[in-house]
């Protein structure tokens, strides 16, 4: 089965799919960091998604311009929207919608909770890393086409937030819990979720 993992440079999901024998390719405008450049397409994920090559796509479109966590930047002062930021968010929404509407039979789109300002379609499912054996909380939304909801594989009771609340506010002098994690690190798919995606979404294929 030929599968596109769009907007993935870490190759976390791609490698789990490859373990199961699927012809999976990561695609991103960056070089891959997963150690398998032979499985990586450096280029436009939209072009690949509309190429007609794939029967499944798992996509992780850039989220920081759409995320509800970034609403404080969209509204820098109460009641006043930053229109430049809003336009950037609309471009991010357009990118996500192009992936969602790609001519591929089975599609999964993964993103955090988006700002209501962008009016994205209703998501299919909400998942957490601690439901798949990783001791963190990070509310993640899935939009699914012709794929079943993911089933939890190992629910942990002991976990902590991946990103403590209001970490961005610390830069503006607000109270926050210090954390050292890059935007790239925070956007990577957890291994437990990647394993579940690969096994559950391809088990009958």
C-alpha atoms as a PDB file:
ATOM      1  CA  UNK A   1       0.000   0.000   0.000  1.00  0.00           C
ATOM      2  CA  UNK A   2       1.412   3.397  -0.979  1.00  0.00           C
ATOM      3  CA  UNK A   3       0.969   5.950   1.799  1.00  0.00           C
ATOM      4  CA  UNK A   4       1.878   9.637   1.976  1.00  0.00           C
ATOM      5  CA  UNK A   5       2.815  11.074   5.369  1.00  0.00           C
ATOM      6  CA  UNK A   6       2.489  14.763   4.581  1.00  0.00           C
ATOM      7  CA  UNK A   7       4.323  17.496   6.475  1.00  0.00           C
ATOM      8  CA  UNK A   8       6.511  15.032   8.362  1.00  0.00           C
ATOM      9  CA  UNK A   9      10.273  15.488   8.614  1.00  0.00           C
ATOM     10  CA  UNK A  10      10.757  13.322  11.721  1.00  0.00           C
ATOM     11  CA  UNK A  11       9.550  10.204   9.844  1.00  0.00           C
ATOM     12  CA  UNK A  12       8.011   8.868  13.080  1.00  0.00           C
ATOM     13  CA  UNK A  13       4.826   7.673  11.387  1.00  0.00           C
ATOM     14  CA  UNK A  14       6.596   6.723   8.156  1.00  0.00           C
ATOM     15  CA  UNK A  15       8.923   4.325   9.970  1.00  0.00           C
ATOM     16  CA  UNK A  16       6.043   2.609  11.782  1.00  0.00           C
ATOM     17  CA  UNK A  17       4.275   2.084   8.453  1.00  0.00           C
ATOM     18  CA  UNK A  18       7.475   0.755   6.883  1.00  0.00           C
ATOM     19  CA  UNK A  19       7.837  -1.776   9.720  1.00  0.00           C
ATOM     20  CA  UNK A  20       4.526  -3.245   8.569  1.00  0.00           C
ATOM     21  CA  UNK A  21       5.676  -3.510   4.968  1.00  0.00           C
ATOM     22  CA  UNK A  22       3.874  -0.507   3.493  1.00  0.00           C
ATOM     23  CA  UNK A  23       5.401   1.754   0.865  1.00  0.00           C
ATOM     24  CA  UNK A  24       5.242   4.910   2.964  1.00  0.00           C
ATOM     25  CA  UNK A  25       6.914   8.233   2.191  1.00  0.00           C
ATOM     26  CA  UNK A  26       7.327  11.282   4.376  1.00  0.00           C
ATOM     27  CA  UNK A  27       7.050  14.648   2.630  1.00  0.00           C
ATOM     28  CA  UNK A  28       8.128  18.073   3.850  1.00  0.00           C
ATOM     29  CA  UNK A  29       9.866  21.213   2.597  1.00  0.00           C
ATOM     30  CA  UNK A  30      12.644  20.394   5.093  1.00  0.00           C
ATOM     31  CA  UNK A  31      15.197  17.614   4.949  1.00  0.00           C
ATOM     32  CA  UNK A  32      14.142  14.622   7.043  1.00  0.00           C
ATOM     33  CA  UNK A  33      15.627  13.995  10.490  1.00  0.00           C
ATOM     34  CA  UNK A  34      14.433  10.405  10.751  1.00  0.00           C
ATOM     35  CA  UNK A  35      17.487   8.831   9.180  1.00  0.00           C
ATOM     36  CA  UNK A  36      15.863   7.519   5.980  1.00  0.00           C
ATOM     37  CA  UNK A  37      16.217  10.079   3.178  1.00  0.00           C
ATOM     38  CA  UNK A  38      15.377   7.315   0.688  1.00  0.00           C
ATOM     39  CA  UNK A  39      11.836   7.388   2.113  1.00  0.00           C
ATOM     40  CA  UNK A  40      11.564  11.175   2.083  1.00  0.00           C
ATOM     41  CA  UNK A  41      10.198  13.545  -0.548  1.00  0.00           C
ATOM     42  CA  UNK A  42      11.552  17.050  -0.034  1.00  0.00           C
ATOM     43  CA  UNK A  43       8.966  19.271  -1.641  1.00  0.00           C
ATOM     44  CA  UNK A  44       5.354  20.433  -1.817  1.00  0.00           C
ATOM     45  CA  UNK A  45       2.988  18.167   0.148  1.00  0.00           C
ATOM     46  CA  UNK A  46      -0.017  19.498  -1.774  1.00  0.00           C
ATOM     47  CA  UNK A  47       1.544  18.507  -5.094  1.00  0.00           C
ATOM     48  CA  UNK A  48       2.197  15.001  -3.774  1.00  0.00           C
ATOM     49  CA  UNK A  49      -1.298  14.706  -2.318  1.00  0.00           C
ATOM     50  CA  UNK A  50      -2.832  15.519  -5.706  1.00  0.00           C
ATOM     51  CA  UNK A  51      -0.453  13.322  -7.719  1.00  0.00           C
ATOM     52  CA  UNK A  52      -2.756  10.279  -7.808  1.00  0.00           C
ATOM     53  CA  UNK A  53      -0.018   8.007  -6.433  1.00  0.00           C
ATOM     54  CA  UNK A  54      -1.423   7.281  -2.987  1.00  0.00           C
ATOM     55  CA  UNK A  55      -4.284   5.288  -1.485  1.00  0.00           C
ATOM     56  CA  UNK A  56      -3.833   6.745   2.013  1.00  0.00           C
ATOM     57  CA  UNK A  57      -2.511   9.978   3.489  1.00  0.00           C
ATOM     58  CA  UNK A  58      -1.704  10.877   7.094  1.00  0.00           C
ATOM     59  CA  UNK A  59      -1.047  14.620   7.266  1.00  0.00           C
ATOM     60  CA  UNK A  60       0.381  16.899   9.952  1.00  0.00           C
ATOM     61  CA  UNK A  61      -0.053  20.395   8.467  1.00  0.00           C
ATOM     62  CA  UNK A  62       1.678  23.319  10.221  1.00  0.00           C
ATOM     63  CA  UNK A  63      -0.511  24.399  13.112  1.00  0.00           C
ATOM     64  CA  UNK A  64       1.026  27.346  14.968  1.00  0.00           C
ATOM     65  CA  UNK A  65      -0.904  29.945  12.942  1.00  0.00           C
ATOM     66  CA  UNK A  66      -4.217  28.097  13.460  1.00  0.00           C
ATOM     67  CA  UNK A  67      -3.859  26.785  16.976  1.00  0.00           C
ATOM     68  CA  UNK A  68      -6.086  28.029  19.765  1.00  0.00           C
ATOM     69  CA  UNK A  69      -2.926  28.211  21.874  1.00  0.00           C
ATOM     70  CA  UNK A  70      -1.801  31.075  19.639  1.00  0.00           C
ATOM     71  CA  UNK A  71      -4.993  33.081  20.129  1.00  0.00           C
ATOM     72  CA  UNK A  72      -3.135  35.537  22.362  1.00  0.00           C
ATOM     73  CA  UNK A  73      -1.125  36.562  19.291  1.00  0.00           C
ATOM     74  CA  UNK A  74      -4.251  36.828  17.145  1.00  0.00           C
ATOM     75  CA  UNK A  75      -5.780  39.126  19.759  1.00  0.00           C
ATOM     76  CA  UNK A  76      -2.781  41.015  21.235  1.00  0.00           C
ATOM     77  CA  UNK A  77      -5.174  43.316  23.095  1.00  0.00           C
ATOM     78  CA  UNK A  78      -8.715  42.549  24.200  1.00  0.00           C
ATOM     79  CA  UNK A  79     -11.176  42.803  21.327  1.00  0.00           C
ATOM     80  CA  UNK A  80      -8.563  43.841  18.746  1.00  0.00           C
ATOM     81  CA  UNK A  81      -7.544  41.319  16.079  1.00  0.00           C
ATOM     82  CA  UNK A  82      -4.112  41.398  14.454  1.00  0.00           C
ATOM     83  CA  UNK A  83      -5.200  41.309  10.809  1.00  0.00           C
ATOM     84  CA  UNK A  84      -1.775  40.288   9.493  1.00  0.00           C
ATOM     85  CA  UNK A  85      -1.790  37.318  11.847  1.00  0.00           C
ATOM     86  CA  UNK A  86      -5.370  36.500  10.818  1.00  0.00           C
ATOM     87  CA  UNK A  87      -4.389  36.477   7.127  1.00  0.00           C
ATOM     88  CA  UNK A  88      -1.495  34.142   7.902  1.00  0.00           C
ATOM     89  CA  UNK A  89      -3.949  31.858   9.683  1.00  0.00           C
ATOM     90  CA  UNK A  90      -6.262  31.897   6.663  1.00  0.00           C
ATOM     91  CA  UNK A  91      -3.361  30.739   4.467  1.00  0.00           C
ATOM     92  CA  UNK A  92      -2.691  27.920   6.930  1.00  0.00           C
ATOM     93  CA  UNK A  93      -6.383  26.970   6.827  1.00  0.00           C
ATOM     94  CA  UNK A  94      -6.316  26.929   3.006  1.00  0.00           C
ATOM     95  CA  UNK A  95      -3.321  24.583   3.102  1.00  0.00           C
ATOM     96  CA  UNK A  96      -5.061  22.264   5.579  1.00  0.00           C
ATOM     97  CA  UNK A  97      -8.278  22.234   3.546  1.00  0.00           C
ATOM     98  CA  UNK A  98      -6.404  21.356   0.345  1.00  0.00           C
ATOM     99  CA  UNK A  99      -4.957  18.329   2.139  1.00  0.00           C
ATOM    100  CA  UNK A 100      -8.357  17.422   3.573  1.00  0.00           C
ATOM    101  CA  UNK A 101      -9.927  17.534   0.106  1.00  0.00           C
ATOM    102  CA  UNK A 102      -7.153  15.684  -1.727  1.00  0.00           C
ATOM    103  CA  UNK A 103      -8.242  12.904  -4.137  1.00  0.00           C
ATOM    104  CA  UNK A 104      -7.092  10.102  -1.828  1.00  0.00           C
ATOM    105  CA  UNK A 105      -9.422   7.365  -0.575  1.00  0.00           C
ATOM    106  CA  UNK A 106      -8.291   7.332   3.059  1.00  0.00           C
ATOM    107  CA  UNK A 107      -7.180  10.516   4.808  1.00  0.00           C
ATOM    108  CA  UNK A 108      -6.238  11.472   8.361  1.00  0.00           C
ATOM    109  CA  UNK A 109      -5.421  15.074   9.282  1.00  0.00           C
ATOM    110  CA  UNK A 110      -3.819  15.707  12.683  1.00  0.00           C
ATOM    111  CA  UNK A 111      -3.720  19.131  14.402  1.00  0.00           C
ATOM    112  CA  UNK A 112      -4.165  20.680  17.850  1.00  0.00           C
ATOM    113  CA  UNK A 113      -7.319  22.546  18.802  1.00  0.00           C
ATOM    114  CA  UNK A 114      -7.742  25.396  16.281  1.00  0.00           C
ATOM    115  CA  UNK A 115      -8.903  28.925  17.010  1.00  0.00           C
ATOM    116  CA  UNK A 116     -12.635  29.407  16.474  1.00  0.00           C
ATOM    117  CA  UNK A 117     -11.782  32.441  14.318  1.00  0.00           C
ATOM    118  CA  UNK A 118     -10.926  30.126  11.397  1.00  0.00           C
ATOM    119  CA  UNK A 119     -14.095  27.990  11.470  1.00  0.00           C
ATOM    120  CA  UNK A 120     -12.555  24.669  10.507  1.00  0.00           C
ATOM    121  CA  UNK A 121     -14.833  21.679   9.836  1.00  0.00           C
ATOM    122  CA  UNK A 122     -15.830  19.677  12.894  1.00  0.00           C
ATOM    123  CA  UNK A 123     -13.130  17.207  13.859  1.00  0.00           C
ATOM    124  CA  UNK A 124     -13.785  13.448  14.050  1.00  0.00           C
ATOM    125  CA  UNK A 125     -11.895  12.526  17.203  1.00  0.00           C
ATOM    126  CA  UNK A 126      -9.793  13.891  20.078  1.00  0.00           C
ATOM    127  CA  UNK A 127      -6.821  11.855  21.296  1.00  0.00           C
ATOM    128  CA  UNK A 128      -4.146  12.221  23.982  1.00  0.00           C
ATOM    129  CA  UNK A 129      -0.592  10.783  24.113  1.00  0.00           C
ATOM    130  CA  UNK A 130      -1.280   9.236  27.544  1.00  0.00           C
ATOM    131  CA  UNK A 131      -3.920   7.021  25.895  1.00  0.00           C
ATOM    132  CA  UNK A 132      -1.157   5.407  23.814  1.00  0.00           C
ATOM    133  CA  UNK A 133       1.559   4.815  26.399  1.00  0.00           C
ATOM    134  CA  UNK A 134       3.345   8.192  26.363  1.00  0.00           C
ATOM    135  CA  UNK A 135       3.230  10.012  29.751  1.00  0.00           C
ATOM    136  CA  UNK A 136       2.092  13.387  28.420  1.00  0.00           C
ATOM    137  CA  UNK A 137      -1.073  15.307  27.711  1.00  0.00           C
ATOM    138  CA  UNK A 138      -1.353  17.180  24.433  1.00  0.00           C
ATOM    139  CA  UNK A 139      -4.902  17.489  23.120  1.00  0.00           C
ATOM    140  CA  UNK A 140      -4.791  16.407  19.488  1.00  0.00           C
ATOM    141  CA  UNK A 141      -7.633  16.492  16.970  1.00  0.00           C
ATOM    142  CA  UNK A 142      -8.128  14.115  14.051  1.00  0.00           C
ATOM    143  CA  UNK A 143     -10.174  14.678  10.901  1.00  0.00           C
ATOM    144  CA  UNK A 144     -10.779  11.265   9.306  1.00  0.00           C
ATOM    145  CA  UNK A 145     -12.024  10.162   5.882  1.00  0.00           C
ATOM    146  CA  UNK A 146     -12.785   6.459   5.389  1.00  0.00           C
ATOM    147  CA  UNK A 147     -10.717   5.561   8.457  1.00  0.00           C
ATOM    148  CA  UNK A 148     -11.924   4.339  11.878  1.00  0.00           C
ATOM    149  CA  UNK A 149     -11.368   6.239  15.093  1.00  0.00           C
ATOM    150  CA  UNK A 150      -8.131   5.315  16.819  1.00  0.00           C
ATOM    151  CA  UNK A 151      -8.581   3.024  19.802  1.00  0.00           C
ATOM    152  CA  UNK A 152      -6.438   3.630  22.919  1.00  0.00           C
ATOM    153  CA  UNK A 153      -3.653   1.095  23.348  1.00  0.00           C
ATOM    154  CA  UNK A 154      -2.261   1.861  26.828  1.00  0.00           C
ATOM    155  CA  UNK A 155      -3.984   4.429  29.040  1.00  0.00           C
ATOM    156  CA  UNK A 156      -1.641   5.916  31.639  1.00  0.00           C
ATOM    157  CA  UNK A 157      -2.869   7.560  34.837  1.00  0.00           C
ATOM    158  CA  UNK A 158       0.437   9.289  35.578  1.00  0.00           C
ATOM    159  CA  UNK A 159       1.236  11.977  33.003  1.00  0.00           C
ATOM    160  CA  UNK A 160       2.093  15.663  32.671  1.00  0.00           C
ATOM    161  CA  UNK A 161       1.463  18.393  30.075  1.00  0.00           C
ATOM    162  CA  UNK A 162       3.940  18.422  27.208  1.00  0.00           C
ATOM    163  CA  UNK A 163       3.723  22.200  27.156  1.00  0.00           C
ATOM    164  CA  UNK A 164       2.901  23.845  30.521  1.00  0.00           C
ATOM    165  CA  UNK A 165       0.211  26.489  30.158  1.00  0.00           C
ATOM    166  CA  UNK A 166       1.093  30.026  29.102  1.00  0.00           C
ATOM    167  CA  UNK A 167       4.723  29.261  28.237  1.00  0.00           C
ATOM    168  CA  UNK A 168       4.588  31.911  25.547  1.00  0.00           C
ATOM    169  CA  UNK A 169       3.333  34.423  28.082  1.00  0.00           C
ATOM    170  CA  UNK A 170       6.555  34.103  30.046  1.00  0.00           C
ATOM    171  CA  UNK A 171       8.307  36.073  27.331  1.00  0.00           C
ATOM    172  CA  UNK A 172       5.924  38.933  28.030  1.00  0.00           C
ATOM    173  CA  UNK A 173       6.505  38.867  31.774  1.00  0.00           C
ATOM    174  CA  UNK A 174       3.451  36.775  32.636  1.00  0.00           C
ATOM    175  CA  UNK A 175       3.482  33.922  35.115  1.00  0.00           C
ATOM    176  CA  UNK A 176       4.327  30.595  33.512  1.00  0.00           C
ATOM    177  CA  UNK A 177       6.023  27.302  34.228  1.00  0.00           C
ATOM    178  CA  UNK A 178       9.475  27.281  32.551  1.00  0.00           C
ATOM    179  CA  UNK A 179       9.907  24.688  29.838  1.00  0.00           C
ATOM    180  CA  UNK A 180      12.644  23.940  27.333  1.00  0.00           C
ATOM    181  CA  UNK A 181      11.160  22.551  24.137  1.00  0.00           C
ATOM    182  CA  UNK A 182      11.352  23.772  20.565  1.00  0.00           C
ATOM    183  CA  UNK A 183       8.404  24.241  18.202  1.00  0.00           C
ATOM    184  CA  UNK A 184       9.756  21.397  16.056  1.00  0.00           C
ATOM    185  CA  UNK A 185      10.001  19.058  19.056  1.00  0.00           C
ATOM    186  CA  UNK A 186       6.509  19.909  20.263  1.00  0.00           C
ATOM    187  CA  UNK A 187       5.005  19.148  16.849  1.00  0.00           C
ATOM    188  CA  UNK A 188       6.449  15.643  16.464  1.00  0.00           C
ATOM    189  CA  UNK A 189       4.079  12.687  16.652  1.00  0.00           C
ATOM    190  CA  UNK A 190       4.435  10.545  19.758  1.00  0.00           C
ATOM    191  CA  UNK A 191       5.681   7.025  19.101  1.00  0.00           C
ATOM    192  CA  UNK A 192       2.655   5.376  20.729  1.00  0.00           C
ATOM    193  CA  UNK A 193       0.254   7.335  18.547  1.00  0.00           C
ATOM    194  CA  UNK A 194       2.346   6.625  15.443  1.00  0.00           C
ATOM    195  CA  UNK A 195       2.262   2.881  16.175  1.00  0.00           C
ATOM    196  CA  UNK A 196      -1.500   2.975  16.657  1.00  0.00           C
ATOM    197  CA  UNK A 197      -2.012   4.881  13.397  1.00  0.00           C
ATOM    198  CA  UNK A 198       0.108   2.416  11.454  1.00  0.00           C
ATOM    199  CA  UNK A 199      -1.360  -0.765  12.929  1.00  0.00           C
ATOM    200  CA  UNK A 200      -5.007   0.202  13.253  1.00  0.00           C
ATOM    201  CA  UNK A 201      -5.458   2.063   9.987  1.00  0.00           C
ATOM    202  CA  UNK A 202      -3.792  -0.593   7.845  1.00  0.00           C
ATOM    203  CA  UNK A 203      -4.687  -3.839   9.646  1.00  0.00           C
ATOM    204  CA  UNK A 204      -7.395  -4.860   7.144  1.00  0.00           C
ATOM    205  CA  UNK A 205      -5.442  -3.827   4.038  1.00  0.00           C
END
